[in-house]
Amino acid sequence: MNCEEAQELREAFHDGELTAETHSAMAVHVKTCADCSAALTQLGTLSNAIKAVGAFPVPENLRRNVEKLASEAQRARITSPRRRQFALLAASHIGVALAGGLLAWMLLADQSARNFNVEEAVSAHVRSLMDNQLVQVASSDTHTVRPWFAGKVDFSPDVQDLAATGFPLAGGRVDYVGGSKVAALVYSRNKHIINVFVSPVGQFDAGGLLEASRNGYAIIDWQVGDLRYRAVSDLNATELREFVRALNAGRSQ
């Protein structure tokens, strides 16, 4: 089984919907394919995030509409069996409609926030290249770059030099993404620049590996502990995935 075949089967594999033979072939492929393994991890994270949805703020206008419907139903005090049956049916349809509308609102709000974060990360990346503000501390020495952030941001980013894997550290700076102060770690690959924006986990973070692209730039977003990482570069998606794997592998050592 190759990646192209496996890509069509990822969701069914994750949900346990494949035949035993196909499931076994897919399992063997996933063990040897980092990309498919990462994609399945992302699916699992998304599934867990959906299951873990708990309390969330309900729009005030939706709350008022529900209270109004409940109040009107109470005042009506329907006594006819036929009218009572009709009222129950209508109420069930209203409940389904409200639940569907609320779910749609949640998904749209989450998607809107993600798109905004992607746009902001790309803008910050491009801005750093145009304004000659790529690094404020220029060094490949992790013991120089990491302590430089002390007092400038309220967290300690994990700084690594990945020169051995073809992604040398160029330095770092403090930047602003989405109105918040972040640590920006700068790496290179040949003549390509990689910005890694590090910030505390926020409201709309999914926790898994997420990939996107905007205007020719590849973006990979992931979470480690209570920190969020966003890598942005004009590298192709395959090389940026290689960079992220190297960064995470070095962190685990």
C-alpha atoms as a PDB file:
ATOM      1  CA  MET A   1       0.000   0.000   0.000  1.00  0.00           C
ATOM      2  CA  ASN A   2       1.337   3.461  -0.920  1.00  0.00           C
ATOM      3  CA  CYS A   3       0.533   6.919   0.503  1.00  0.00           C
ATOM      4  CA  GLU A   4      -1.943   7.761  -2.236  1.00  0.00           C
ATOM      5  CA  GLU A   5      -3.985   4.649  -1.445  1.00  0.00           C
ATOM      6  CA  ALA A   6      -3.624   5.153   2.293  1.00  0.00           C
ATOM      7  CA  GLN A   7      -4.811   8.761   2.112  1.00  0.00           C
ATOM      8  CA  GLU A   8      -8.235   7.585   0.939  1.00  0.00           C
ATOM      9  CA  LEU A   9      -8.492   5.149   3.844  1.00  0.00           C
ATOM     10  CA  ARG A  10      -7.241   7.233   6.783  1.00  0.00           C
ATOM     11  CA  GLU A  11     -10.632   8.214   8.198  1.00  0.00           C
ATOM     12  CA  ALA A  12     -12.107   4.746   7.762  1.00  0.00           C
ATOM     13  CA  PHE A  13      -8.992   3.257   9.400  1.00  0.00           C
ATOM     14  CA  HIS A  14      -9.266   5.686  12.309  1.00  0.00           C
ATOM     15  CA  ASP A  15     -12.962   4.853  12.761  1.00  0.00           C
ATOM     16  CA  GLY A  16     -12.427   1.075  12.520  1.00  0.00           C
ATOM     17  CA  GLU A  17     -14.534   0.718   9.368  1.00  0.00           C
ATOM     18  CA  LEU A  18     -12.097  -1.276   7.195  1.00  0.00           C
ATOM     19  CA  THR A  19     -12.127  -4.996   6.568  1.00  0.00           C
ATOM     20  CA  ALA A  20      -9.617  -7.011   8.569  1.00  0.00           C
ATOM     21  CA  GLU A  21      -7.357  -7.485   5.538  1.00  0.00           C
ATOM     22  CA  THR A  22      -7.372  -3.806   4.540  1.00  0.00           C
ATOM     23  CA  HIS A  23      -6.955  -2.713   8.156  1.00  0.00           C
ATOM     24  CA  SER A  24      -3.835  -4.897   8.502  1.00  0.00           C
ATOM     25  CA  ALA A  25      -2.326  -3.524   5.272  1.00  0.00           C
ATOM     26  CA  MET A  26      -3.024   0.035   6.406  1.00  0.00           C
ATOM     27  CA  ALA A  27      -1.523  -0.623   9.854  1.00  0.00           C
ATOM     28  CA  VAL A  28       1.701  -1.903   8.266  1.00  0.00           C
ATOM     29  CA  HIS A  29       1.910   1.195   6.047  1.00  0.00           C
ATOM     30  CA  VAL A  30       1.311   3.623   8.929  1.00  0.00           C
ATOM     31  CA  LYS A  31       4.179   2.103  10.916  1.00  0.00           C
ATOM     32  CA  THR A  32       6.634   2.992   8.147  1.00  0.00           C
ATOM     33  CA  CYS A  33       5.127   6.316   6.936  1.00  0.00           C
ATOM     34  CA  ALA A  34       5.659   9.356   9.139  1.00  0.00           C
ATOM     35  CA  ASP A  35       3.231  11.515   7.136  1.00  0.00           C
ATOM     36  CA  CYS A  36       0.336   9.059   7.403  1.00  0.00           C
ATOM     37  CA  SER A  37       1.116   8.482  11.064  1.00  0.00           C
ATOM     38  CA  ALA A  38       1.041  12.257  11.708  1.00  0.00           C
ATOM     39  CA  ALA A  39      -2.240  12.580   9.788  1.00  0.00           C
ATOM     40  CA  LEU A  40      -3.828   9.851  11.915  1.00  0.00           C
ATOM     41  CA  THR A  41      -2.563  11.531  15.071  1.00  0.00           C
ATOM     42  CA  GLN A  42      -4.228  14.727  13.890  1.00  0.00           C
ATOM     43  CA  LEU A  43      -7.495  12.865  13.290  1.00  0.00           C
ATOM     44  CA  GLY A  44      -7.315  11.370  16.774  1.00  0.00           C
ATOM     45  CA  THR A  45      -6.644  14.752  18.347  1.00  0.00           C
ATOM     46  CA  LEU A  46      -9.555  16.327  16.493  1.00  0.00           C
ATOM     47  CA  SER A  47     -11.848  13.480  17.529  1.00  0.00           C
ATOM     48  CA  ASN A  48     -10.814  13.831  21.172  1.00  0.00           C
ATOM     49  CA  ALA A  49     -11.286  17.606  21.030  1.00  0.00           C
ATOM     50  CA  ILE A  50     -14.843  17.186  19.734  1.00  0.00           C
ATOM     51  CA  LYS A  51     -15.649  14.637  22.450  1.00  0.00           C
ATOM     52  CA  ALA A  52     -14.168  16.899  25.103  1.00  0.00           C
ATOM     53  CA  VAL A  53     -16.309  19.928  24.230  1.00  0.00           C
ATOM     54  CA  GLY A  54     -17.908  21.056  27.454  1.00  0.00           C
ATOM     55  CA  ALA A  55     -19.356  24.346  28.590  1.00  0.00           C
ATOM     56  CA  PHE A  56     -19.025  27.237  26.191  1.00  0.00           C
ATOM     57  CA  PRO A  57     -20.540  30.711  25.978  1.00  0.00           C
ATOM     58  CA  VAL A  58     -23.920  30.767  24.201  1.00  0.00           C
ATOM     59  CA  PRO A  59     -24.788  33.872  22.143  1.00  0.00           C
ATOM     60  CA  GLU A  60     -27.179  36.055  24.109  1.00  0.00           C
ATOM     61  CA  ASN A  61     -29.710  36.317  21.257  1.00  0.00           C
ATOM     62  CA  LEU A  62     -29.889  32.512  21.020  1.00  0.00           C
ATOM     63  CA  ARG A  63     -30.426  32.247  24.785  1.00  0.00           C
ATOM     64  CA  ARG A  64     -33.273  34.790  24.629  1.00  0.00           C
ATOM     65  CA  ASN A  65     -34.960  32.944  21.758  1.00  0.00           C
ATOM     66  CA  VAL A  66     -34.875  29.643  23.641  1.00  0.00           C
ATOM     67  CA  GLU A  67     -36.293  31.251  26.792  1.00  0.00           C
ATOM     68  CA  LYS A  68     -39.045  32.917  24.744  1.00  0.00           C
ATOM     69  CA  LEU A  69     -40.060  29.631  23.112  1.00  0.00           C
ATOM     70  CA  ALA A  70     -40.107  27.866  26.464  1.00  0.00           C
ATOM     71  CA  SER A  71     -42.224  30.614  28.000  1.00  0.00           C
ATOM     72  CA  GLU A  72     -44.740  30.564  25.145  1.00  0.00           C
ATOM     73  CA  ALA A  73     -45.055  26.797  25.333  1.00  0.00           C
ATOM     74  CA  GLN A  74     -45.721  27.009  29.066  1.00  0.00           C
ATOM     75  CA  ARG A  75     -48.453  29.658  28.604  1.00  0.00           C
ATOM     76  CA  ALA A  76     -50.169  27.725  25.832  1.00  0.00           C
ATOM     77  CA  ARG A  77     -50.921  24.763  28.161  1.00  0.00           C
ATOM     78  CA  ILE A  78     -52.156  22.668  25.264  1.00  0.00           C
ATOM     79  CA  THR A  79     -54.757  20.085  26.383  1.00  0.00           C
ATOM     80  CA  SER A  80     -55.968  18.549  23.102  1.00  0.00           C
ATOM     81  CA  PRO A  81     -54.143  15.229  22.412  1.00  0.00           C
ATOM     82  CA  ARG A  82     -53.782  16.146  18.748  1.00  0.00           C
ATOM     83  CA  ARG A  83     -52.563  19.652  19.524  1.00  0.00           C
ATOM     84  CA  ARG A  84     -50.295  18.259  22.232  1.00  0.00           C
ATOM     85  CA  GLN A  85     -48.758  15.823  19.742  1.00  0.00           C
ATOM     86  CA  PHE A  86     -48.303  18.641  17.254  1.00  0.00           C
ATOM     87  CA  ALA A  87     -46.679  20.822  19.899  1.00  0.00           C
ATOM     88  CA  LEU A  88     -44.278  18.073  20.928  1.00  0.00           C
ATOM     89  CA  LEU A  89     -43.327  17.477  17.310  1.00  0.00           C
ATOM     90  CA  ALA A  90     -42.817  21.189  16.716  1.00  0.00           C
ATOM     91  CA  ALA A  91     -40.744  21.470  19.883  1.00  0.00           C
ATOM     92  CA  SER A  92     -38.537  18.580  18.790  1.00  0.00           C
ATOM     93  CA  HIS A  93     -37.928  20.221  15.419  1.00  0.00           C
ATOM     94  CA  ILE A  94     -37.147  23.529  17.096  1.00  0.00           C
ATOM     95  CA  GLY A  95     -34.714  21.773  19.442  1.00  0.00           C
ATOM     96  CA  VAL A  96     -32.932  20.080  16.547  1.00  0.00           C
ATOM     97  CA  ALA A  97     -32.770  23.361  14.626  1.00  0.00           C
ATOM     98  CA  LEU A  98     -31.383  25.227  17.629  1.00  0.00           C
ATOM     99  CA  ALA A  99     -28.815  22.515  18.340  1.00  0.00           C
ATOM    100  CA  GLY A 100     -27.745  22.487  14.701  1.00  0.00           C
ATOM    101  CA  GLY A 101     -27.498  26.264  14.645  1.00  0.00           C
ATOM    102  CA  LEU A 102     -25.460  26.295  17.823  1.00  0.00           C
ATOM    103  CA  LEU A 103     -23.074  23.637  16.509  1.00  0.00           C
ATOM    104  CA  ALA A 104     -22.690  25.547  13.247  1.00  0.00           C
ATOM    105  CA  TRP A 105     -21.947  28.728  15.201  1.00  0.00           C
ATOM    106  CA  MET A 106     -19.280  26.932  17.248  1.00  0.00           C
ATOM    107  CA  LEU A 107     -17.619  25.441  14.157  1.00  0.00           C
ATOM    108  CA  LEU A 108     -17.684  28.739  12.255  1.00  0.00           C
ATOM    109  CA  ALA A 109     -16.254  30.612  15.234  1.00  0.00           C
ATOM    110  CA  ASP A 110     -13.471  28.057  15.601  1.00  0.00           C
ATOM    111  CA  GLN A 111     -12.699  28.032  11.858  1.00  0.00           C
ATOM    112  CA  SER A 112     -12.710  31.824  11.740  1.00  0.00           C
ATOM    113  CA  ALA A 113     -10.213  31.965  14.601  1.00  0.00           C
ATOM    114  CA  ARG A 114      -7.950  29.402  12.906  1.00  0.00           C
ATOM    115  CA  ASN A 115      -8.013  31.279   9.602  1.00  0.00           C
ATOM    116  CA  PHE A 116      -7.197  34.496  11.442  1.00  0.00           C
ATOM    117  CA  ASN A 117      -4.259  32.835  13.187  1.00  0.00           C
ATOM    118  CA  VAL A 118      -2.926  31.482   9.886  1.00  0.00           C
ATOM    119  CA  GLU A 119      -3.170  34.894   8.214  1.00  0.00           C
ATOM    120  CA  GLU A 120      -1.491  36.580  11.175  1.00  0.00           C
ATOM    121  CA  ALA A 121       1.379  34.073  11.210  1.00  0.00           C
ATOM    122  CA  VAL A 122       2.020  34.501   7.478  1.00  0.00           C
ATOM    123  CA  SER A 123       1.870  38.294   7.808  1.00  0.00           C
ATOM    124  CA  ALA A 124       4.402  38.231  10.654  1.00  0.00           C
ATOM    125  CA  HIS A 125       6.692  35.968   8.619  1.00  0.00           C
ATOM    126  CA  VAL A 126       6.582  38.242   5.570  1.00  0.00           C
ATOM    127  CA  ARG A 127       6.992  41.355   7.713  1.00  0.00           C
ATOM    128  CA  SER A 128      10.155  39.949   9.293  1.00  0.00           C
ATOM    129  CA  LEU A 129      11.691  39.453   5.848  1.00  0.00           C
ATOM    130  CA  MET A 130      10.760  42.910   4.569  1.00  0.00           C
ATOM    131  CA  ASP A 131      11.641  45.067   7.569  1.00  0.00           C
ATOM    132  CA  ASN A 132      15.127  43.673   8.165  1.00  0.00           C
ATOM    133  CA  GLN A 133      13.914  42.625  11.615  1.00  0.00           C
ATOM    134  CA  LEU A 134      14.449  38.905  11.167  1.00  0.00           C
ATOM    135  CA  VAL A 135      16.591  38.459  14.286  1.00  0.00           C
ATOM    136  CA  GLN A 136      17.225  40.583  17.346  1.00  0.00           C
ATOM    137  CA  VAL A 137      19.700  38.074  18.740  1.00  0.00           C
ATOM    138  CA  ALA A 138      21.788  36.540  15.961  1.00  0.00           C
ATOM    139  CA  SER A 139      23.375  33.294  17.091  1.00  0.00           C
ATOM    140  CA  SER A 140      23.339  29.565  16.463  1.00  0.00           C
ATOM    141  CA  ASP A 141      24.228  28.949  20.116  1.00  0.00           C
ATOM    142  CA  THR A 142      21.144  27.770  21.991  1.00  0.00           C
ATOM    143  CA  HIS A 143      22.720  28.890  25.269  1.00  0.00           C
ATOM    144  CA  THR A 144      22.777  32.432  23.901  1.00  0.00           C
ATOM    145  CA  VAL A 145      19.359  32.539  22.236  1.00  0.00           C
ATOM    146  CA  ARG A 146      17.228  30.878  24.910  1.00  0.00           C
ATOM    147  CA  PRO A 147      18.262  33.052  27.882  1.00  0.00           C
ATOM    148  CA  TRP A 148      17.896  36.153  25.669  1.00  0.00           C
ATOM    149  CA  PHE A 149      14.104  35.713  25.862  1.00  0.00           C
ATOM    150  CA  ALA A 150      14.107  35.899  29.678  1.00  0.00           C
ATOM    151  CA  GLY A 151      12.130  38.965  30.766  1.00  0.00           C
ATOM    152  CA  LYS A 152      10.941  39.611  27.207  1.00  0.00           C
ATOM    153  CA  VAL A 153       8.219  36.947  27.145  1.00  0.00           C
ATOM    154  CA  ASP A 154       6.427  35.195  30.006  1.00  0.00           C
ATOM    155  CA  PHE A 155       7.546  31.685  29.056  1.00  0.00           C
ATOM    156  CA  SER A 156      10.713  29.859  28.081  1.00  0.00           C
ATOM    157  CA  PRO A 157      10.770  28.600  24.464  1.00  0.00           C
ATOM    158  CA  ASP A 158      12.652  25.406  23.707  1.00  0.00           C
ATOM    159  CA  VAL A 159      15.546  26.509  21.472  1.00  0.00           C
ATOM    160  CA  GLN A 160      17.504  23.938  19.465  1.00  0.00           C
ATOM    161  CA  ASP A 161      20.149  24.085  16.792  1.00  0.00           C
ATOM    162  CA  LEU A 162      19.211  21.638  14.040  1.00  0.00           C
ATOM    163  CA  ALA A 163      22.277  22.182  11.845  1.00  0.00           C
ATOM    164  CA  ALA A 164      22.985  18.452  11.889  1.00  0.00           C
ATOM    165  CA  THR A 165      19.650  17.830  10.138  1.00  0.00           C
ATOM    166  CA  GLY A 166      20.043  20.680   7.648  1.00  0.00           C
ATOM    167  CA  PHE A 167      18.114  23.364   9.536  1.00  0.00           C
ATOM    168  CA  PRO A 168      20.636  25.601  11.344  1.00  0.00           C
ATOM    169  CA  LEU A 169      19.471  28.064  13.965  1.00  0.00           C
ATOM    170  CA  ALA A 170      19.910  31.709  12.911  1.00  0.00           C
ATOM    171  CA  GLY A 171      18.678  33.427  16.071  1.00  0.00           C
ATOM    172  CA  GLY A 172      15.485  34.809  17.534  1.00  0.00           C
ATOM    173  CA  ARG A 173      13.364  37.860  18.183  1.00  0.00           C
ATOM    174  CA  VAL A 174      10.198  38.982  19.948  1.00  0.00           C
ATOM    175  CA  ASP A 175       7.249  39.491  17.584  1.00  0.00           C
ATOM    176  CA  TYR A 176       3.502  40.116  17.704  1.00  0.00           C
ATOM    177  CA  VAL A 177       1.018  37.659  16.241  1.00  0.00           C
ATOM    178  CA  GLY A 178      -2.718  38.092  16.703  1.00  0.00           C
ATOM    179  CA  GLY A 179      -2.164  40.991  19.085  1.00  0.00           C
ATOM    180  CA  SER A 180      -0.016  38.930  21.466  1.00  0.00           C
ATOM    181  CA  LYS A 181       3.692  38.921  22.183  1.00  0.00           C
ATOM    182  CA  VAL A 182       5.393  35.735  20.953  1.00  0.00           C
ATOM    183  CA  ALA A 183       8.892  34.318  20.738  1.00  0.00           C
ATOM    184  CA  ALA A 184      10.075  33.881  17.152  1.00  0.00           C
ATOM    185  CA  LEU A 185      12.824  31.334  16.508  1.00  0.00           C
ATOM    186  CA  VAL A 186      14.522  31.648  13.134  1.00  0.00           C
ATOM    187  CA  TYR A 187      15.946  28.716  11.188  1.00  0.00           C
ATOM    188  CA  SER A 188      17.154  28.355   7.623  1.00  0.00           C
ATOM    189  CA  ARG A 189      17.218  25.711   4.921  1.00  0.00           C
ATOM    190  CA  ASN A 190      19.558  26.656   2.092  1.00  0.00           C
ATOM    191  CA  LYS A 191      18.224  30.138   1.206  1.00  0.00           C
ATOM    192  CA  HIS A 192      14.800  29.615   2.754  1.00  0.00           C
ATOM    193  CA  ILE A 193      13.821  31.104   6.118  1.00  0.00           C
ATOM    194  CA  ILE A 194      11.671  29.314   8.686  1.00  0.00           C
ATOM    195  CA  ASN A 195       9.971  31.327  11.408  1.00  0.00           C
ATOM    196  CA  VAL A 196       8.738  29.354  14.413  1.00  0.00           C
ATOM    197  CA  PHE A 197       6.318  31.421  16.503  1.00  0.00           C
ATOM    198  CA  VAL A 198       6.009  30.190  20.091  1.00  0.00           C
ATOM    199  CA  SER A 199       3.263  31.343  22.449  1.00  0.00           C
ATOM    200  CA  PRO A 200       1.170  30.080  25.369  1.00  0.00           C
ATOM    201  CA  VAL A 201      -1.777  27.882  24.408  1.00  0.00           C
ATOM    202  CA  GLY A 202      -4.857  29.975  23.667  1.00  0.00           C
ATOM    203  CA  GLN A 203      -8.601  29.490  23.470  1.00  0.00           C
ATOM    204  CA  PHE A 204      -8.797  27.971  19.979  1.00  0.00           C
ATOM    205  CA  ASP A 205      -5.810  25.631  20.062  1.00  0.00           C
ATOM    206  CA  ALA A 206      -6.645  22.087  19.003  1.00  0.00           C
ATOM    207  CA  GLY A 207      -3.500  20.486  20.407  1.00  0.00           C
ATOM    208  CA  GLY A 208      -2.736  18.339  17.359  1.00  0.00           C
ATOM    209  CA  LEU A 209      -0.672  18.774  14.224  1.00  0.00           C
ATOM    210  CA  LEU A 210      -2.471  21.106  11.812  1.00  0.00           C
ATOM    211  CA  GLU A 211      -1.293  22.082   8.351  1.00  0.00           C
ATOM    212  CA  ALA A 212      -2.335  24.946   6.091  1.00  0.00           C
ATOM    213  CA  SER A 213      -1.034  27.032   3.205  1.00  0.00           C
ATOM    214  CA  ARG A 214      -1.520  30.677   2.270  1.00  0.00           C
ATOM    215  CA  ASN A 215      -0.128  32.588  -0.712  1.00  0.00           C
ATOM    216  CA  GLY A 216       2.674  30.125  -1.349  1.00  0.00           C
ATOM    217  CA  TYR A 217       3.652  29.726   2.323  1.00  0.00           C
ATOM    218  CA  ALA A 218       3.335  26.475   4.259  1.00  0.00           C
ATOM    219  CA  ILE A 219       2.206  26.592   7.892  1.00  0.00           C
ATOM    220  CA  ILE A 220       2.320  23.823  10.476  1.00  0.00           C
ATOM    221  CA  ASP A 221       0.725  24.381  13.872  1.00  0.00           C
ATOM    222  CA  TRP A 222       1.151  22.083  16.883  1.00  0.00           C
ATOM    223  CA  GLN A 223       1.190  22.066  20.650  1.00  0.00           C
ATOM    224  CA  VAL A 224       3.690  20.768  23.200  1.00  0.00           C
ATOM    225  CA  GLY A 225       2.619  21.011  26.819  1.00  0.00           C
ATOM    226  CA  ASP A 226       1.288  24.507  27.438  1.00  0.00           C
ATOM    227  CA  LEU A 227       3.082  26.055  24.441  1.00  0.00           C
ATOM    228  CA  ARG A 228       1.875  26.423  20.870  1.00  0.00           C
ATOM    229  CA  TYR A 229       4.282  26.322  17.915  1.00  0.00           C
ATOM    230  CA  ARG A 230       3.604  27.703  14.412  1.00  0.00           C
ATOM    231  CA  ALA A 231       6.231  27.100  11.735  1.00  0.00           C
ATOM    232  CA  VAL A 232       5.936  29.264   8.604  1.00  0.00           C
ATOM    233  CA  SER A 233       8.132  29.137   5.504  1.00  0.00           C
ATOM    234  CA  ASP A 234       8.158  29.231   1.712  1.00  0.00           C
ATOM    235  CA  LEU A 235       9.665  25.749   1.870  1.00  0.00           C
ATOM    236  CA  ASN A 236       7.531  23.039   0.338  1.00  0.00           C
ATOM    237  CA  ALA A 237       5.231  21.211   2.749  1.00  0.00           C
ATOM    238  CA  THR A 238       7.343  18.044   2.729  1.00  0.00           C
ATOM    239  CA  GLU A 239      10.523  19.833   3.867  1.00  0.00           C
ATOM    240  CA  LEU A 240       8.622  21.820   6.482  1.00  0.00           C
ATOM    241  CA  ARG A 241       7.232  18.562   7.890  1.00  0.00           C
ATOM    242  CA  GLU A 242      10.805  17.243   7.976  1.00  0.00           C
ATOM    243  CA  PHE A 243      11.826  20.330   9.951  1.00  0.00           C
ATOM    244  CA  VAL A 244       8.973  19.899  12.452  1.00  0.00           C
ATOM    245  CA  ARG A 245       9.844  16.235  12.944  1.00  0.00           C
ATOM    246  CA  ALA A 246      13.486  17.154  13.584  1.00  0.00           C
ATOM    247  CA  LEU A 247      12.483  19.868  16.042  1.00  0.00           C
ATOM    248  CA  ASN A 248      10.183  17.563  17.995  1.00  0.00           C
ATOM    249  CA  ALA A 249      12.659  14.690  17.912  1.00  0.00           C
ATOM    250  CA  GLY A 250      15.352  16.928  19.361  1.00  0.00           C
ATOM    251  CA  ARG A 251      12.991  18.085  22.090  1.00  0.00           C
ATOM    252  CA  SER A 252      12.343  14.556  23.270  1.00  0.00           C
ATOM    253  CA  GLN A 253      16.041  13.799  23.746  1.00  0.00           C
END
